[in-house]
Amino acid sequence: MATVGVIHLQGNGAMGMDAIEVRLARLEGAYEQIDRRLGTIEDRLVRLETKVDAGFARADARMDALAERVNVRIDELERRLTSPAWLHCGQHTAV
């Protein structure tokens, strides 16, 4: 019997208890399988979230390190440009 959603009644109007038990057992099995699959999906999502978080943490660390290197170089250039030796270079003129 492949009909879904229809209860077939026996002659006295009641569905056989054996048929109900079989259908309930099938439903329970299906729910258990769905529960296992959802548990597996949840586990995979947790692992993926951990990997994504770790990737963002590495990217943040790299950007912070790069920003620090840029700041150091800018500071060095500012020191050079404001040093007395640099300032006096433009004061000499050819005669």
Protein backbone atom coordinates (compact mmCIF):
# COMPACT_ATOMS: atom_id res chain seq x y z
CA MET A 1 0.00 0.00 0.00
CA ALA A 2 1.70 3.20 -1.16
CA THR A 3 -1.02 5.68 -0.27
CA VAL A 4 0.27 8.42 2.00
CA GLY A 5 -1.94 10.31 4.43
CA VAL A 6 -4.88 7.92 4.17
CA ILE A 7 -5.86 5.47 6.89
CA HIS A 8 -7.34 2.28 5.54
CA LEU A 9 -10.05 0.92 7.77
CA GLN A 10 -10.89 -2.71 8.28
CA GLY A 11 -14.40 -4.02 8.10
CA ASN A 12 -15.29 -2.94 11.64
CA GLY A 13 -14.08 0.62 11.03
CA ALA A 14 -10.89 0.35 13.12
CA MET A 15 -7.38 0.12 11.76
CA GLY A 16 -5.55 -3.01 12.83
CA MET A 17 -3.22 -2.44 15.81
CA ASP A 18 -0.42 -4.28 14.06
CA ALA A 19 -0.60 -1.87 11.11
CA ILE A 20 -0.54 1.13 13.45
CA GLU A 21 2.47 -0.26 15.31
CA VAL A 22 4.31 -0.87 12.05
CA ARG A 23 3.63 2.67 10.87
CA LEU A 24 4.66 4.14 14.24
CA ALA A 25 7.86 2.08 14.19
CA ARG A 26 8.63 3.38 10.71
CA LEU A 27 8.00 6.95 11.83
CA GLU A 28 10.19 6.50 14.88
CA GLY A 29 12.95 5.09 12.70
CA ALA A 30 12.64 7.98 10.29
CA TYR A 31 12.77 10.51 13.13
CA GLU A 32 15.85 8.81 14.60
CA GLN A 33 17.56 8.92 11.21
CA ILE A 34 16.67 12.61 10.78
CA ASP A 35 17.96 13.32 14.29
CA ARG A 36 21.28 11.59 13.52
CA ARG A 37 21.63 13.48 10.26
CA LEU A 38 20.86 16.81 11.92
CA GLY A 39 23.39 15.99 14.65
CA THR A 40 26.00 15.30 11.98
CA ILE A 41 25.19 18.58 10.22
CA GLU A 42 25.41 20.45 13.52
CA ASP A 43 28.82 18.91 14.26
CA ARG A 44 30.07 19.88 10.82
CA LEU A 45 28.80 23.44 11.25
CA VAL A 46 30.59 23.74 14.59
CA ARG A 47 33.86 22.57 13.01
CA LEU A 48 33.36 24.94 10.07
CA GLU A 49 32.62 27.85 12.41
CA THR A 50 35.81 27.09 14.32
CA LYS A 51 37.83 27.08 11.10
CA VAL A 52 36.27 30.34 9.91
CA ASP A 53 36.91 32.00 13.28
CA ALA A 54 40.53 30.83 13.22
CA GLY A 55 40.93 32.15 9.67
CA PHE A 56 39.59 35.55 10.63
CA ALA A 57 41.87 35.62 13.68
CA ARG A 58 44.90 34.89 11.46
CA ALA A 59 43.83 37.55 8.96
CA ASP A 60 43.35 40.09 11.77
CA ALA A 61 46.80 39.27 13.17
CA ARG A 62 48.38 39.70 9.73
CA MET A 63 46.64 43.03 9.18
CA ASP A 64 47.69 44.24 12.63
CA ALA A 65 51.29 43.25 11.95
CA LEU A 66 51.23 44.96 8.56
CA ALA A 67 49.69 48.12 10.04
CA GLU A 68 52.42 48.16 12.69
CA ARG A 69 55.13 47.84 10.03
CA VAL A 70 53.59 50.68 8.02
CA ASN A 71 53.37 52.86 11.13
CA VAL A 72 57.03 52.19 11.96
CA ARG A 73 58.10 53.16 8.44
CA ILE A 74 56.00 56.33 8.52
CA ASP A 75 57.55 57.26 11.86
CA GLU A 76 61.03 56.68 10.42
CA LEU A 77 60.27 58.88 7.41
CA GLU A 78 58.87 61.63 9.64
CA ARG A 79 62.01 61.52 11.78
CA ARG A 80 64.21 61.76 8.69
CA LEU A 81 62.21 64.60 7.19
CA THR A 82 62.23 66.60 10.41
CA SER A 83 65.86 65.90 11.32
CA PRO A 84 68.23 68.90 11.31
CA ALA A 85 70.44 67.33 8.61
CA TRP A 86 67.51 67.10 6.21
CA LEU A 87 66.26 70.60 6.98
CA HIS A 88 69.66 72.14 6.25
CA CYS A 89 70.03 70.40 2.88
CA GLY A 90 67.72 72.84 1.15
CA GLN A 91 69.51 75.95 2.50
CA HIS A 92 72.66 75.54 0.42
CA THR A 93 72.46 77.26 -2.92
CA ALA A 94 74.93 77.28 -5.75
CA VAL A 95 76.73 80.57 -6.46
